[in-house]
């Protein structure tokens, strides 16, 4: 099967993918900052910090994993055959 006659993504599809990447980067960056600061930012001197590993994992690497998996599914959906 030849894909040479297959059209590329439309402008709206490319714009949607770009918007997904931009929003995903913003969410991931916000999760990174939240995981880095945690509860220690509100306490003077950082004493009495609560270190919850599961919450920090969900904030930064967890959001990144979900965004990447969504991007892979989005790319598969956009590039699948319409036949």
C-alpha atoms as a PDB file:
ATOM      1  CA  UNK A   1       0.000   0.000   0.000  1.00  0.00           C
ATOM      2  CA  UNK A   2       1.429   3.333  -1.046  1.00  0.00           C
ATOM      3  CA  UNK A   3       1.046   6.364   1.148  1.00  0.00           C
ATOM      4  CA  UNK A   4       2.386   8.798  -1.458  1.00  0.00           C
ATOM      5  CA  UNK A   5      -1.096   9.824  -2.602  1.00  0.00           C
ATOM      6  CA  UNK A   6      -2.285  10.291   0.965  1.00  0.00           C
ATOM      7  CA  UNK A   7      -2.759  13.936   1.961  1.00  0.00           C
ATOM      8  CA  UNK A   8      -0.932  15.326   4.949  1.00  0.00           C
ATOM      9  CA  UNK A   9      -2.654  16.765   7.987  1.00  0.00           C
ATOM     10  CA  UNK A  10      -4.973  19.687   7.410  1.00  0.00           C
ATOM     11  CA  UNK A  11      -4.239  23.104   8.866  1.00  0.00           C
ATOM     12  CA  UNK A  12      -6.913  22.624  11.543  1.00  0.00           C
ATOM     13  CA  UNK A  13      -5.496  19.236  12.533  1.00  0.00           C
ATOM     14  CA  UNK A  14      -1.996  20.706  12.847  1.00  0.00           C
ATOM     15  CA  UNK A  15      -3.398  23.627  14.864  1.00  0.00           C
ATOM     16  CA  UNK A  16      -5.195  21.187  17.160  1.00  0.00           C
ATOM     17  CA  UNK A  17      -2.035  19.156  17.702  1.00  0.00           C
ATOM     18  CA  UNK A  18      -0.071  22.338  18.435  1.00  0.00           C
ATOM     19  CA  UNK A  19      -2.752  23.503  20.890  1.00  0.00           C
ATOM     20  CA  UNK A  20      -2.656  20.095  22.608  1.00  0.00           C
ATOM     21  CA  UNK A  21       1.140  20.296  22.927  1.00  0.00           C
ATOM     22  CA  UNK A  22       1.023  23.888  24.239  1.00  0.00           C
ATOM     23  CA  UNK A  23      -1.665  23.103  26.809  1.00  0.00           C
ATOM     24  CA  UNK A  24       0.137  19.905  27.827  1.00  0.00           C
ATOM     25  CA  UNK A  25       3.404  21.793  28.292  1.00  0.00           C
ATOM     26  CA  UNK A  26       1.632  24.390  30.444  1.00  0.00           C
ATOM     27  CA  UNK A  27       0.004  21.724  32.622  1.00  0.00           C
ATOM     28  CA  UNK A  28       3.268  19.798  32.967  1.00  0.00           C
ATOM     29  CA  UNK A  29       5.226  22.947  33.847  1.00  0.00           C
ATOM     30  CA  UNK A  30       2.624  23.883  36.463  1.00  0.00           C
ATOM     31  CA  UNK A  31       2.872  20.379  37.931  1.00  0.00           C
ATOM     32  CA  UNK A  32       6.671  20.651  37.983  1.00  0.00           C
ATOM     33  CA  UNK A  33       6.563  23.931  39.889  1.00  0.00           C
ATOM     34  CA  UNK A  34       3.961  22.542  42.291  1.00  0.00           C
ATOM     35  CA  UNK A  35       6.019  19.413  42.923  1.00  0.00           C
ATOM     36  CA  UNK A  36       9.203  21.420  43.432  1.00  0.00           C
ATOM     37  CA  UNK A  37       7.651  23.878  45.883  1.00  0.00           C
ATOM     38  CA  UNK A  38       5.211  21.524  47.562  1.00  0.00           C
ATOM     39  CA  UNK A  39       4.026  22.511  51.012  1.00  0.00           C
ATOM     40  CA  UNK A  40       7.402  23.912  52.013  1.00  0.00           C
ATOM     41  CA  UNK A  41       6.862  27.234  50.257  1.00  0.00           C
ATOM     42  CA  UNK A  42       4.238  28.364  52.767  1.00  0.00           C
ATOM     43  CA  UNK A  43       6.272  27.586  55.902  1.00  0.00           C
ATOM     44  CA  UNK A  44       9.044  29.940  57.010  1.00  0.00           C
ATOM     45  CA  UNK A  45      12.388  28.230  56.797  1.00  0.00           C
ATOM     46  CA  UNK A  46      10.884  25.121  55.275  1.00  0.00           C
ATOM     47  CA  UNK A  47      10.344  23.428  58.637  1.00  0.00           C
ATOM     48  CA  UNK A  48       7.407  21.132  58.995  1.00  0.00           C
ATOM     49  CA  UNK A  49       7.311  20.225  55.311  1.00  0.00           C
ATOM     50  CA  UNK A  50       5.065  17.378  54.299  1.00  0.00           C
ATOM     51  CA  UNK A  51       6.709  15.047  51.808  1.00  0.00           C
ATOM     52  CA  UNK A  52       4.131  12.868  50.090  1.00  0.00           C
ATOM     53  CA  UNK A  53       5.815  10.933  47.299  1.00  0.00           C
ATOM     54  CA  UNK A  54       2.628   9.822  45.561  1.00  0.00           C
ATOM     55  CA  UNK A  55       1.279  13.361  45.250  1.00  0.00           C
ATOM     56  CA  UNK A  56       4.588  14.655  43.899  1.00  0.00           C
ATOM     57  CA  UNK A  57       4.716  11.791  41.401  1.00  0.00           C
ATOM     58  CA  UNK A  58       1.190  12.598  40.225  1.00  0.00           C
ATOM     59  CA  UNK A  59       2.055  16.281  39.875  1.00  0.00           C
ATOM     60  CA  UNK A  60       5.139  16.108  37.691  1.00  0.00           C
ATOM     61  CA  UNK A  61       6.065  12.801  36.096  1.00  0.00           C
ATOM     62  CA  UNK A  62       2.471  11.616  36.259  1.00  0.00           C
ATOM     63  CA  UNK A  63       1.132  14.546  34.246  1.00  0.00           C
ATOM     64  CA  UNK A  64       3.971  14.195  31.766  1.00  0.00           C
ATOM     65  CA  UNK A  65       3.206  10.501  31.232  1.00  0.00           C
ATOM     66  CA  UNK A  66      -0.511  11.208  30.727  1.00  0.00           C
ATOM     67  CA  UNK A  67       0.178  14.063  28.276  1.00  0.00           C
ATOM     68  CA  UNK A  68       2.632  11.931  26.259  1.00  0.00           C
ATOM     69  CA  UNK A  69       0.215   8.992  26.133  1.00  0.00           C
ATOM     70  CA  UNK A  70      -2.547  11.340  24.988  1.00  0.00           C
ATOM     71  CA  UNK A  71      -0.238  12.737  22.303  1.00  0.00           C
ATOM     72  CA  UNK A  72       0.527   9.255  21.028  1.00  0.00           C
ATOM     73  CA  UNK A  73      -3.185   8.432  20.864  1.00  0.00           C
ATOM     74  CA  UNK A  74      -3.877  11.754  19.137  1.00  0.00           C
ATOM     75  CA  UNK A  75      -1.174  11.092  16.537  1.00  0.00           C
ATOM     76  CA  UNK A  76      -2.503   7.575  15.900  1.00  0.00           C
ATOM     77  CA  UNK A  77      -6.019   8.954  15.459  1.00  0.00           C
ATOM     78  CA  UNK A  78      -4.896  11.697  13.071  1.00  0.00           C
ATOM     79  CA  UNK A  79      -2.727   9.422  10.938  1.00  0.00           C
ATOM     80  CA  UNK A  80      -5.025   6.405  10.639  1.00  0.00           C
ATOM     81  CA  UNK A  81      -6.468   5.381   7.292  1.00  0.00           C
ATOM     82  CA  UNK A  82      -9.891   6.775   6.528  1.00  0.00           C
ATOM     83  CA  UNK A  83     -10.917   3.756   4.416  1.00  0.00           C
END
